[in-house]
Amino acid sequence: MSIFTTDSYYTAIGIILFVHAVAIALLSLVVQPMLPERYRKYRLAGFLVFFTIGFATFLVGYIILIALYLLLRSRIQQTIVPYETIVTGDIMEEDFFFEGRRFGEGAFAELLQAEKANVEAKQKVFLGFADIKTPDTFAVIRENLSNPVDEIRLYVFGILYNAEKEFVERIHTIKKALPEETDKTRRAEMLRELAQTYYDLFYFNIVDDSIKPSVLNDAIRYAKQSIKENPRDPSTYVVLGKAYLKKGDYEEASRWFEQARSFKIEESKTIPYLAEIYFNRREFKKTKELLAQMDVETVLNNHLRNIVLLWKGT
């Protein structure tokens, strides 16, 4: 007759499973905090994963958890050194790997020289210039219309053609819709946009130098027509002021900028241009007085911000 009953058998199994669960739980609690930081924050999830694997695999689970514990314990703990304690000499003795330049051996201006990079690299430079869309970049693009390399010359011609086409199509669309517009306010907006587009053609160096004066005169003409339709729009006065400033007519430019200021327009749209006029006239006291009125916190352009700070003496 066996001394073990069915009840004692199940009790023994229950005790074994309970002890096994406690042991696995303790091992899981020890291993989980040693995980890498990005996983360590998921405490409950990490514990449940280790516990489930350990409990389900019995002896193999113990081996896995103990091996994982030893592996994680052997990791080298790196201490973050504050930058104040780093010695320059130590840095200079280190070997650093730098990935090669994408465009070759120099800055954009250097790459455009014939001996600096291949044609493909130059084309990428010009493509980047076209995306930047500033007067300086388009000036560089235009200069290369006489580039001795055929591929470069044709490439920059295509960039300028597409840019000019965009402006010309805008002008054509406005001029086509203008005669049918009867609302004076809307007509004034269309004329102002027309003036701005002509000004942008000049400003971005998209058109040839020979027709720049004509383009600037068109900007002035349409801006004045816009003012006749709606004399209460200060942005049109700004366009006129900028156009006359480009012509070098400081009297007319300052007159239109001052009229724009009378509408309480944003300072950044008028004061920098008026300051430029006074600076070119060598009236530095007036320049400083104007820039002193600007709130630096409202100046978004970093270049202009630095100029304002310089003249404000801060």
C-alpha atoms as a PDB file:
ATOM      1  CA  MET A   1       0.000   0.000   0.000  1.00  0.00           C
ATOM      2  CA  SER A   2       1.454   3.368  -1.093  1.00  0.00           C
ATOM      3  CA  ILE A   3       2.038   6.012   1.557  1.00  0.00           C
ATOM      4  CA  PHE A   4       1.290   8.767  -1.008  1.00  0.00           C
ATOM      5  CA  THR A   5      -2.297   9.739  -1.593  1.00  0.00           C
ATOM      6  CA  THR A   6      -3.688  11.639  -4.550  1.00  0.00           C
ATOM      7  CA  ASP A   7      -4.132  14.735  -2.388  1.00  0.00           C
ATOM      8  CA  SER A   8      -0.544  14.649  -1.166  1.00  0.00           C
ATOM      9  CA  TYR A   9       0.647  14.217  -4.767  1.00  0.00           C
ATOM     10  CA  TYR A  10      -1.171  17.350  -5.947  1.00  0.00           C
ATOM     11  CA  THR A  11      -0.020  19.202  -2.838  1.00  0.00           C
ATOM     12  CA  ALA A  12       3.593  18.340  -3.608  1.00  0.00           C
ATOM     13  CA  ILE A  13       3.193  19.481  -7.233  1.00  0.00           C
ATOM     14  CA  GLY A  14       1.611  22.749  -6.029  1.00  0.00           C
ATOM     15  CA  ILE A  15       4.486  23.368  -3.580  1.00  0.00           C
ATOM     16  CA  ILE A  16       7.054  22.695  -6.315  1.00  0.00           C
ATOM     17  CA  LEU A  17       5.291  25.079  -8.735  1.00  0.00           C
ATOM     18  CA  PHE A  18       4.983  27.715  -6.023  1.00  0.00           C
ATOM     19  CA  VAL A  19       8.681  27.498  -5.104  1.00  0.00           C
ATOM     20  CA  HIS A  20       9.551  27.501  -8.819  1.00  0.00           C
ATOM     21  CA  ALA A  21       7.405  30.619  -9.397  1.00  0.00           C
ATOM     22  CA  VAL A  22       8.986  32.432  -6.429  1.00  0.00           C
ATOM     23  CA  ALA A  23      12.490  31.548  -7.608  1.00  0.00           C
ATOM     24  CA  ILE A  24      11.798  32.658 -11.170  1.00  0.00           C
ATOM     25  CA  ALA A  25      10.153  35.868  -9.898  1.00  0.00           C
ATOM     26  CA  LEU A  26      13.224  36.676  -7.787  1.00  0.00           C
ATOM     27  CA  LEU A  27      15.552  36.006 -10.714  1.00  0.00           C
ATOM     28  CA  SER A  28      13.391  38.174 -12.991  1.00  0.00           C
ATOM     29  CA  LEU A  29      13.433  41.013 -10.447  1.00  0.00           C
ATOM     30  CA  VAL A  30      17.230  40.827 -10.374  1.00  0.00           C
ATOM     31  CA  VAL A  31      17.713  40.737 -14.160  1.00  0.00           C
ATOM     32  CA  GLN A  32      15.125  43.319 -15.264  1.00  0.00           C
ATOM     33  CA  PRO A  33      16.867  46.429 -13.731  1.00  0.00           C
ATOM     34  CA  MET A  34      20.058  45.497 -15.559  1.00  0.00           C
ATOM     35  CA  LEU A  35      18.538  45.907 -19.002  1.00  0.00           C
ATOM     36  CA  PRO A  36      19.655  48.796 -21.262  1.00  0.00           C
ATOM     37  CA  GLU A  37      18.058  52.115 -20.317  1.00  0.00           C
ATOM     38  CA  ARG A  38      15.638  52.233 -23.258  1.00  0.00           C
ATOM     39  CA  TYR A  39      14.072  48.921 -22.068  1.00  0.00           C
ATOM     40  CA  ARG A  40      14.536  49.390 -18.343  1.00  0.00           C
ATOM     41  CA  LYS A  41      11.668  51.856 -18.060  1.00  0.00           C
ATOM     42  CA  TYR A  42       9.159  49.117 -19.004  1.00  0.00           C
ATOM     43  CA  ARG A  43       9.454  47.468 -15.604  1.00  0.00           C
ATOM     44  CA  LEU A  44       6.287  45.405 -15.512  1.00  0.00           C
ATOM     45  CA  ALA A  45       6.549  44.289 -19.135  1.00  0.00           C
ATOM     46  CA  GLY A  46      10.190  43.270 -18.696  1.00  0.00           C
ATOM     47  CA  PHE A  47       9.453  41.366 -15.510  1.00  0.00           C
ATOM     48  CA  LEU A  48       6.516  39.504 -17.107  1.00  0.00           C
ATOM     49  CA  VAL A  49       8.608  38.496 -20.136  1.00  0.00           C
ATOM     50  CA  PHE A  50      11.393  37.037 -17.986  1.00  0.00           C
ATOM     51  CA  PHE A  51       8.943  35.410 -15.570  1.00  0.00           C
ATOM     52  CA  THR A  52       6.913  33.805 -18.385  1.00  0.00           C
ATOM     53  CA  ILE A  53       9.990  32.436 -20.157  1.00  0.00           C
ATOM     54  CA  GLY A  54      11.546  31.178 -16.922  1.00  0.00           C
ATOM     55  CA  PHE A  55       8.374  29.646 -15.536  1.00  0.00           C
ATOM     56  CA  ALA A  56       7.419  27.936 -18.795  1.00  0.00           C
ATOM     57  CA  THR A  57      10.843  26.442 -19.518  1.00  0.00           C
ATOM     58  CA  PHE A  58      11.715  25.228 -15.976  1.00  0.00           C
ATOM     59  CA  LEU A  59      15.431  24.231 -15.833  1.00  0.00           C
ATOM     60  CA  VAL A  60      16.224  25.900 -19.170  1.00  0.00           C
ATOM     61  CA  GLY A  61      14.609  29.092 -17.863  1.00  0.00           C
ATOM     62  CA  TYR A  62      16.966  29.157 -14.861  1.00  0.00           C
ATOM     63  CA  ILE A  63      19.942  28.710 -17.146  1.00  0.00           C
ATOM     64  CA  ILE A  64      18.751  31.505 -19.483  1.00  0.00           C
ATOM     65  CA  LEU A  65      18.079  33.968 -16.665  1.00  0.00           C
ATOM     66  CA  ILE A  66      21.356  33.225 -14.865  1.00  0.00           C
ATOM     67  CA  ALA A  67      23.321  33.504 -18.139  1.00  0.00           C
ATOM     68  CA  LEU A  68      21.550  36.775 -18.924  1.00  0.00           C
ATOM     69  CA  TYR A  69      22.322  38.064 -15.445  1.00  0.00           C
ATOM     70  CA  LEU A  70      26.031  37.247 -15.841  1.00  0.00           C
ATOM     71  CA  LEU A  71      26.110  38.802 -19.316  1.00  0.00           C
ATOM     72  CA  LEU A  72      24.466  42.045 -18.225  1.00  0.00           C
ATOM     73  CA  ARG A  73      26.602  42.230 -15.102  1.00  0.00           C
ATOM     74  CA  SER A  74      29.740  41.998 -17.209  1.00  0.00           C
ATOM     75  CA  ARG A  75      28.804  45.051 -19.294  1.00  0.00           C
ATOM     76  CA  ILE A  76      31.148  48.019 -18.941  1.00  0.00           C
ATOM     77  CA  GLN A  77      29.303  50.886 -17.348  1.00  0.00           C
ATOM     78  CA  GLN A  78      30.286  54.133 -19.101  1.00  0.00           C
ATOM     79  CA  THR A  79      30.262  57.270 -17.018  1.00  0.00           C
ATOM     80  CA  ILE A  80      29.068  60.495 -18.647  1.00  0.00           C
ATOM     81  CA  VAL A  81      31.837  63.053 -18.248  1.00  0.00           C
ATOM     82  CA  PRO A  82      30.716  66.699 -17.952  1.00  0.00           C
ATOM     83  CA  TYR A  83      32.222  68.828 -20.723  1.00  0.00           C
ATOM     84  CA  GLU A  84      33.966  71.042 -18.171  1.00  0.00           C
ATOM     85  CA  THR A  85      36.275  68.150 -17.232  1.00  0.00           C
ATOM     86  CA  ILE A  86      37.340  67.197 -20.772  1.00  0.00           C
ATOM     87  CA  VAL A  87      40.929  68.096 -21.567  1.00  0.00           C
ATOM     88  CA  THR A  88      41.562  69.442 -25.059  1.00  0.00           C
ATOM     89  CA  GLY A  89      44.777  67.463 -25.315  1.00  0.00           C
ATOM     90  CA  ASP A  90      42.880  64.212 -24.758  1.00  0.00           C
ATOM     91  CA  ILE A  91      40.514  65.030 -27.602  1.00  0.00           C
ATOM     92  CA  MET A  92      43.358  65.837 -29.990  1.00  0.00           C
ATOM     93  CA  GLU A  93      44.891  62.411 -29.372  1.00  0.00           C
ATOM     94  CA  GLU A  94      41.684  60.580 -30.273  1.00  0.00           C
ATOM     95  CA  ASP A  95      41.108  59.079 -33.719  1.00  0.00           C
ATOM     96  CA  PHE A  96      37.908  60.345 -35.334  1.00  0.00           C
ATOM     97  CA  PHE A  97      36.267  59.049 -38.463  1.00  0.00           C
ATOM     98  CA  PHE A  98      34.741  61.638 -40.754  1.00  0.00           C
ATOM     99  CA  GLU A  99      32.474  60.613 -43.593  1.00  0.00           C
ATOM    100  CA  GLY A 100      33.566  61.937 -46.977  1.00  0.00           C
ATOM    101  CA  ARG A 101      32.072  65.140 -48.337  1.00  0.00           C
ATOM    102  CA  ARG A 102      29.042  64.751 -50.505  1.00  0.00           C
ATOM    103  CA  PHE A 103      30.130  67.376 -53.024  1.00  0.00           C
ATOM    104  CA  GLY A 104      33.903  66.903 -53.046  1.00  0.00           C
ATOM    105  CA  GLU A 105      36.628  68.986 -51.487  1.00  0.00           C
ATOM    106  CA  GLY A 106      35.189  72.391 -50.687  1.00  0.00           C
ATOM    107  CA  ALA A 107      32.291  74.747 -50.140  1.00  0.00           C
ATOM    108  CA  PHE A 108      29.753  75.507 -52.857  1.00  0.00           C
ATOM    109  CA  ALA A 109      31.681  78.474 -54.218  1.00  0.00           C
ATOM    110  CA  GLU A 110      34.849  76.362 -54.492  1.00  0.00           C
ATOM    111  CA  LEU A 111      33.064  73.462 -56.150  1.00  0.00           C
ATOM    112  CA  LEU A 112      31.928  75.692 -58.998  1.00  0.00           C
ATOM    113  CA  GLN A 113      35.527  76.191 -60.069  1.00  0.00           C
ATOM    114  CA  ALA A 114      36.420  73.918 -62.976  1.00  0.00           C
ATOM    115  CA  GLU A 115      39.196  71.999 -61.220  1.00  0.00           C
ATOM    116  CA  LYS A 116      37.384  71.381 -57.911  1.00  0.00           C
ATOM    117  CA  ALA A 117      34.713  68.803 -58.709  1.00  0.00           C
ATOM    118  CA  ASN A 118      33.065  66.852 -61.495  1.00  0.00           C
ATOM    119  CA  VAL A 119      30.074  67.994 -63.537  1.00  0.00           C
ATOM    120  CA  GLU A 120      27.572  65.919 -61.541  1.00  0.00           C
ATOM    121  CA  ALA A 121      28.657  67.536 -58.268  1.00  0.00           C
ATOM    122  CA  LYS A 122      28.325  71.009 -59.804  1.00  0.00           C
ATOM    123  CA  GLN A 123      24.836  70.180 -61.047  1.00  0.00           C
ATOM    124  CA  LYS A 124      23.829  69.170 -57.523  1.00  0.00           C
ATOM    125  CA  VAL A 125      25.174  72.476 -56.230  1.00  0.00           C
ATOM    126  CA  PHE A 126      23.105  74.449 -58.728  1.00  0.00           C
ATOM    127  CA  LEU A 127      20.037  72.357 -57.938  1.00  0.00           C
ATOM    128  CA  GLY A 128      20.495  73.214 -54.260  1.00  0.00           C
ATOM    129  CA  PHE A 129      20.895  76.885 -55.176  1.00  0.00           C
ATOM    130  CA  ALA A 130      17.595  76.788 -57.075  1.00  0.00           C
ATOM    131  CA  ASP A 131      15.841  75.448 -53.975  1.00  0.00           C
ATOM    132  CA  ILE A 132      17.346  78.137 -51.720  1.00  0.00           C
ATOM    133  CA  LYS A 133      16.028  80.950 -53.966  1.00  0.00           C
ATOM    134  CA  THR A 134      17.919  83.992 -52.777  1.00  0.00           C
ATOM    135  CA  PRO A 135      19.314  86.897 -54.841  1.00  0.00           C
ATOM    136  CA  ASP A 136      22.886  85.716 -54.229  1.00  0.00           C
ATOM    137  CA  THR A 137      22.247  82.146 -55.371  1.00  0.00           C
ATOM    138  CA  PHE A 138      20.484  83.238 -58.558  1.00  0.00           C
ATOM    139  CA  ALA A 139      23.346  85.689 -59.220  1.00  0.00           C
ATOM    140  CA  VAL A 140      25.811  82.776 -59.032  1.00  0.00           C
ATOM    141  CA  ILE A 141      23.574  80.697 -61.291  1.00  0.00           C
ATOM    142  CA  ARG A 142      23.364  83.533 -63.833  1.00  0.00           C
ATOM    143  CA  GLU A 143      27.133  84.018 -63.827  1.00  0.00           C
ATOM    144  CA  ASN A 144      27.530  80.437 -65.007  1.00  0.00           C
ATOM    145  CA  LEU A 145      25.565  81.013 -68.206  1.00  0.00           C
ATOM    146  CA  SER A 146      29.000  81.601 -69.721  1.00  0.00           C
ATOM    147  CA  ASN A 147      30.526  78.506 -68.093  1.00  0.00           C
ATOM    148  CA  PRO A 148      32.906  76.749 -70.542  1.00  0.00           C
ATOM    149  CA  VAL A 149      31.375  73.355 -69.682  1.00  0.00           C
ATOM    150  CA  ASP A 150      28.370  72.725 -71.938  1.00  0.00           C
ATOM    151  CA  GLU A 151      26.519  70.564 -69.419  1.00  0.00           C
ATOM    152  CA  ILE A 152      26.775  73.231 -66.708  1.00  0.00           C
ATOM    153  CA  ARG A 153      25.765  76.048 -69.042  1.00  0.00           C
ATOM    154  CA  LEU A 154      22.674  74.181 -70.244  1.00  0.00           C
ATOM    155  CA  TYR A 155      21.799  73.105 -66.704  1.00  0.00           C
ATOM    156  CA  VAL A 156      21.844  76.623 -65.247  1.00  0.00           C
ATOM    157  CA  PHE A 157      19.940  77.926 -68.267  1.00  0.00           C
ATOM    158  CA  GLY A 158      17.191  75.405 -67.493  1.00  0.00           C
ATOM    159  CA  ILE A 159      17.060  76.511 -63.844  1.00  0.00           C
ATOM    160  CA  LEU A 160      16.777  80.191 -64.798  1.00  0.00           C
ATOM    161  CA  TYR A 161      14.248  79.440 -67.514  1.00  0.00           C
ATOM    162  CA  ASN A 162      11.984  77.533 -65.118  1.00  0.00           C
ATOM    163  CA  ALA A 163      12.270  80.249 -62.449  1.00  0.00           C
ATOM    164  CA  GLU A 164      11.491  83.032 -64.917  1.00  0.00           C
ATOM    165  CA  LYS A 165       8.650  80.996 -66.421  1.00  0.00           C
ATOM    166  CA  GLU A 166       7.018  80.709 -62.988  1.00  0.00           C
ATOM    167  CA  PHE A 167       7.026  84.500 -62.551  1.00  0.00           C
ATOM    168  CA  VAL A 168       5.939  85.210 -66.144  1.00  0.00           C
ATOM    169  CA  GLU A 169       3.009  82.800 -65.885  1.00  0.00           C
ATOM    170  CA  ARG A 170       1.901  84.517 -62.671  1.00  0.00           C
ATOM    171  CA  ILE A 171       2.063  87.906 -64.387  1.00  0.00           C
ATOM    172  CA  HIS A 172       0.135  86.602 -67.391  1.00  0.00           C
ATOM    173  CA  THR A 173      -2.594  85.089 -65.179  1.00  0.00           C
ATOM    174  CA  ILE A 174      -3.100  88.327 -63.250  1.00  0.00           C
ATOM    175  CA  LYS A 175      -3.132  90.514 -66.364  1.00  0.00           C
ATOM    176  CA  LYS A 176      -5.670  88.216 -68.005  1.00  0.00           C
ATOM    177  CA  ALA A 177      -8.045  88.322 -65.007  1.00  0.00           C
ATOM    178  CA  LEU A 178      -7.583  92.035 -64.222  1.00  0.00           C
ATOM    179  CA  PRO A 179      -9.923  93.565 -66.893  1.00  0.00           C
ATOM    180  CA  GLU A 180     -12.810  91.372 -65.729  1.00  0.00           C
ATOM    181  CA  GLU A 181     -12.474  92.344 -62.063  1.00  0.00           C
ATOM    182  CA  THR A 182     -14.855  95.120 -61.007  1.00  0.00           C
ATOM    183  CA  ASP A 183     -14.289  95.180 -57.241  1.00  0.00           C
ATOM    184  CA  LYS A 184     -11.811  97.958 -56.452  1.00  0.00           C
ATOM    185  CA  THR A 185     -10.348  96.252 -53.398  1.00  0.00           C
ATOM    186  CA  ARG A 186      -9.731  93.055 -55.294  1.00  0.00           C
ATOM    187  CA  ARG A 187      -8.288  94.993 -58.257  1.00  0.00           C
ATOM    188  CA  ALA A 188      -5.907  96.751 -55.884  1.00  0.00           C
ATOM    189  CA  GLU A 189      -4.733  93.399 -54.495  1.00  0.00           C
ATOM    190  CA  MET A 190      -4.159  92.038 -57.996  1.00  0.00           C
ATOM    191  CA  LEU A 191      -2.210  95.129 -59.030  1.00  0.00           C
ATOM    192  CA  ARG A 192      -0.125  94.946 -55.857  1.00  0.00           C
ATOM    193  CA  GLU A 193       0.661  91.290 -56.548  1.00  0.00           C
ATOM    194  CA  LEU A 194       1.614  92.244 -60.081  1.00  0.00           C
ATOM    195  CA  ALA A 195       3.961  94.943 -58.752  1.00  0.00           C
ATOM    196  CA  GLN A 196       5.454  92.520 -56.242  1.00  0.00           C
ATOM    197  CA  THR A 197       6.064  89.909 -58.959  1.00  0.00           C
ATOM    198  CA  TYR A 198       7.894  92.397 -61.164  1.00  0.00           C
ATOM    199  CA  TYR A 199       9.935  93.502 -58.162  1.00  0.00           C
ATOM    200  CA  ASP A 200      10.803  89.882 -57.348  1.00  0.00           C
ATOM    201  CA  LEU A 201      12.038  89.333 -60.905  1.00  0.00           C
ATOM    202  CA  PHE A 202      14.490  92.156 -60.282  1.00  0.00           C
ATOM    203  CA  TYR A 203      15.270  91.294 -56.676  1.00  0.00           C
ATOM    204  CA  PHE A 204      16.094  87.616 -57.254  1.00  0.00           C
ATOM    205  CA  ASN A 205      18.397  88.374 -60.215  1.00  0.00           C
ATOM    206  CA  ILE A 206      16.283  86.191 -62.476  1.00  0.00           C
ATOM    207  CA  VAL A 207      16.076  88.560 -65.455  1.00  0.00           C
ATOM    208  CA  ASP A 208      18.999  89.792 -67.503  1.00  0.00           C
ATOM    209  CA  ASP A 209      20.717  92.994 -66.374  1.00  0.00           C
ATOM    210  CA  SER A 210      19.710  94.776 -69.585  1.00  0.00           C
ATOM    211  CA  ILE A 211      15.980  94.592 -68.776  1.00  0.00           C
ATOM    212  CA  LYS A 212      16.222  95.069 -65.000  1.00  0.00           C
ATOM    213  CA  PRO A 213      15.439  98.829 -65.204  1.00  0.00           C
ATOM    214  CA  SER A 214      12.315  98.101 -67.257  1.00  0.00           C
ATOM    215  CA  VAL A 215      11.147  95.432 -64.793  1.00  0.00           C
ATOM    216  CA  LEU A 216      11.653  97.817 -61.882  1.00  0.00           C
ATOM    217  CA  ASN A 217       9.674 100.534 -63.651  1.00  0.00           C
ATOM    218  CA  ASP A 218       6.823  98.064 -64.218  1.00  0.00           C
ATOM    219  CA  ALA A 219       6.796  97.292 -60.495  1.00  0.00           C
ATOM    220  CA  ILE A 220       6.515 101.002 -59.703  1.00  0.00           C
ATOM    221  CA  ARG A 221       3.796 101.563 -62.305  1.00  0.00           C
ATOM    222  CA  TYR A 222       1.541  98.754 -61.090  1.00  0.00           C
ATOM    223  CA  ALA A 223       2.100  99.643 -57.424  1.00  0.00           C
ATOM    224  CA  LYS A 224       0.936 103.221 -58.091  1.00  0.00           C
ATOM    225  CA  GLN A 225      -2.129 101.893 -59.939  1.00  0.00           C
ATOM    226  CA  SER A 226      -2.885  99.708 -56.924  1.00  0.00           C
ATOM    227  CA  ILE A 227      -2.698 102.739 -54.606  1.00  0.00           C
ATOM    228  CA  LYS A 228      -5.206 104.575 -56.817  1.00  0.00           C
ATOM    229  CA  GLU A 229      -7.631 101.674 -56.401  1.00  0.00           C
ATOM    230  CA  ASN A 230      -7.011 101.337 -52.659  1.00  0.00           C
ATOM    231  CA  PRO A 231      -4.871 103.959 -50.903  1.00  0.00           C
ATOM    232  CA  ARG A 232      -5.309 102.240 -47.516  1.00  0.00           C
ATOM    233  CA  ASP A 233      -3.082  99.223 -48.153  1.00  0.00           C
ATOM    234  CA  PRO A 234       0.352  99.859 -46.533  1.00  0.00           C
ATOM    235  CA  SER A 235       2.005  96.811 -48.147  1.00  0.00           C
ATOM    236  CA  THR A 236       1.744  98.495 -51.547  1.00  0.00           C
ATOM    237  CA  TYR A 237       3.632 101.513 -50.228  1.00  0.00           C
ATOM    238  CA  VAL A 238       6.348  99.129 -49.042  1.00  0.00           C
ATOM    239  CA  VAL A 239       6.690  97.642 -52.536  1.00  0.00           C
ATOM    240  CA  LEU A 240       7.020 101.149 -53.963  1.00  0.00           C
ATOM    241  CA  GLY A 241       9.614 102.096 -51.367  1.00  0.00           C
ATOM    242  CA  LYS A 242      11.709  99.002 -52.084  1.00  0.00           C
ATOM    243  CA  ALA A 243      11.521  99.576 -55.845  1.00  0.00           C
ATOM    244  CA  TYR A 244      12.688 103.189 -55.539  1.00  0.00           C
ATOM    245  CA  LEU A 245      15.407 102.102 -53.124  1.00  0.00           C
ATOM    246  CA  LYS A 246      16.726  99.688 -55.753  1.00  0.00           C
ATOM    247  CA  LYS A 247      16.706 102.539 -58.261  1.00  0.00           C
ATOM    248  CA  GLY A 248      18.801 104.603 -55.864  1.00  0.00           C
ATOM    249  CA  ASP A 249      16.117 107.281 -55.503  1.00  0.00           C
ATOM    250  CA  TYR A 250      16.340 107.771 -51.734  1.00  0.00           C
ATOM    251  CA  GLU A 251      13.904 110.686 -51.643  1.00  0.00           C
ATOM    252  CA  GLU A 252      11.052 108.761 -53.229  1.00  0.00           C
ATOM    253  CA  ALA A 253      11.885 105.594 -51.337  1.00  0.00           C
ATOM    254  CA  SER A 254      11.828 107.285 -47.932  1.00  0.00           C
ATOM    255  CA  ARG A 255       8.586 109.084 -48.836  1.00  0.00           C
ATOM    256  CA  TRP A 256       6.772 105.819 -49.566  1.00  0.00           C
ATOM    257  CA  PHE A 257       8.215 104.023 -46.543  1.00  0.00           C
ATOM    258  CA  GLU A 258       7.120 106.869 -44.272  1.00  0.00           C
ATOM    259  CA  GLN A 259       3.603 106.659 -45.700  1.00  0.00           C
ATOM    260  CA  ALA A 260       3.591 102.925 -44.977  1.00  0.00           C
ATOM    261  CA  ARG A 261       4.646 103.641 -41.385  1.00  0.00           C
ATOM    262  CA  SER A 262       1.688 105.995 -40.962  1.00  0.00           C
ATOM    263  CA  PHE A 263      -0.558 102.909 -41.132  1.00  0.00           C
ATOM    264  CA  LYS A 264       1.210 101.399 -38.099  1.00  0.00           C
ATOM    265  CA  ILE A 265       2.634  98.585 -40.202  1.00  0.00           C
ATOM    266  CA  GLU A 266       5.150  96.169 -38.666  1.00  0.00           C
ATOM    267  CA  GLU A 267       8.445  97.887 -37.921  1.00  0.00           C
ATOM    268  CA  SER A 268      10.501  95.219 -39.682  1.00  0.00           C
ATOM    269  CA  LYS A 269       8.843  96.093 -43.016  1.00  0.00           C
ATOM    270  CA  THR A 270       9.872  99.747 -43.020  1.00  0.00           C
ATOM    271  CA  ILE A 271      12.508 100.715 -40.442  1.00  0.00           C
ATOM    272  CA  PRO A 272      15.368  98.551 -41.821  1.00  0.00           C
ATOM    273  CA  TYR A 273      14.926 100.111 -45.279  1.00  0.00           C
ATOM    274  CA  LEU A 274      14.735 103.632 -43.905  1.00  0.00           C
ATOM    275  CA  ALA A 275      17.825 102.916 -41.792  1.00  0.00           C
ATOM    276  CA  GLU A 276      19.602 101.725 -44.940  1.00  0.00           C
ATOM    277  CA  ILE A 277      18.700 104.982 -46.697  1.00  0.00           C
ATOM    278  CA  TYR A 278      20.050 107.101 -43.835  1.00  0.00           C
ATOM    279  CA  PHE A 279      23.162 104.933 -43.620  1.00  0.00           C
ATOM    280  CA  ASN A 280      23.852 105.374 -47.345  1.00  0.00           C
ATOM    281  CA  ARG A 281      23.447 109.124 -46.822  1.00  0.00           C
ATOM    282  CA  ARG A 282      25.966 108.832 -43.960  1.00  0.00           C
ATOM    283  CA  GLU A 283      23.347 110.111 -41.523  1.00  0.00           C
ATOM    284  CA  PHE A 284      24.410 107.631 -38.852  1.00  0.00           C
ATOM    285  CA  LYS A 285      22.635 109.361 -35.996  1.00  0.00           C
ATOM    286  CA  LYS A 286      19.273 108.972 -37.771  1.00  0.00           C
ATOM    287  CA  THR A 287      20.159 105.354 -38.545  1.00  0.00           C
ATOM    288  CA  LYS A 288      20.747 104.621 -34.870  1.00  0.00           C
ATOM    289  CA  GLU A 289      17.584 106.459 -33.802  1.00  0.00           C
ATOM    290  CA  LEU A 290      15.485 104.385 -36.194  1.00  0.00           C
ATOM    291  CA  LEU A 291      16.957 101.006 -35.272  1.00  0.00           C
ATOM    292  CA  ALA A 292      16.670 101.871 -31.568  1.00  0.00           C
ATOM    293  CA  GLN A 293      12.882 101.899 -32.044  1.00  0.00           C
ATOM    294  CA  MET A 294      12.815  98.244 -33.103  1.00  0.00           C
ATOM    295  CA  ASP A 295      11.914  95.482 -30.682  1.00  0.00           C
ATOM    296  CA  VAL A 296      14.640  92.875 -31.175  1.00  0.00           C
ATOM    297  CA  GLU A 297      12.341  90.060 -30.048  1.00  0.00           C
ATOM    298  CA  THR A 298      10.092  90.647 -33.066  1.00  0.00           C
ATOM    299  CA  VAL A 299      12.960  90.442 -35.593  1.00  0.00           C
ATOM    300  CA  LEU A 300      12.889  86.968 -37.122  1.00  0.00           C
ATOM    301  CA  ASN A 301      15.715  87.428 -39.635  1.00  0.00           C
ATOM    302  CA  ASN A 302      18.991  86.560 -37.894  1.00  0.00           C
ATOM    303  CA  HIS A 303      21.089  88.813 -40.125  1.00  0.00           C
ATOM    304  CA  LEU A 304      18.818  91.791 -39.482  1.00  0.00           C
ATOM    305  CA  ARG A 305      18.654  90.926 -35.789  1.00  0.00           C
ATOM    306  CA  ASN A 306      22.437  91.166 -35.484  1.00  0.00           C
ATOM    307  CA  ILE A 307      22.440  94.528 -37.260  1.00  0.00           C
ATOM    308  CA  VAL A 308      19.763  95.877 -34.919  1.00  0.00           C
ATOM    309  CA  LEU A 309      21.654  94.614 -31.855  1.00  0.00           C
ATOM    310  CA  LEU A 310      24.841  96.252 -33.104  1.00  0.00           C
ATOM    311  CA  TRP A 311      23.219  99.637 -33.601  1.00  0.00           C
ATOM    312  CA  LYS A 312      21.280  99.402 -30.356  1.00  0.00           C
ATOM    313  CA  GLY A 313      24.546  98.731 -28.574  1.00  0.00           C
ATOM    314  CA  THR A 314      23.334  95.531 -26.914  1.00  0.00           C
END
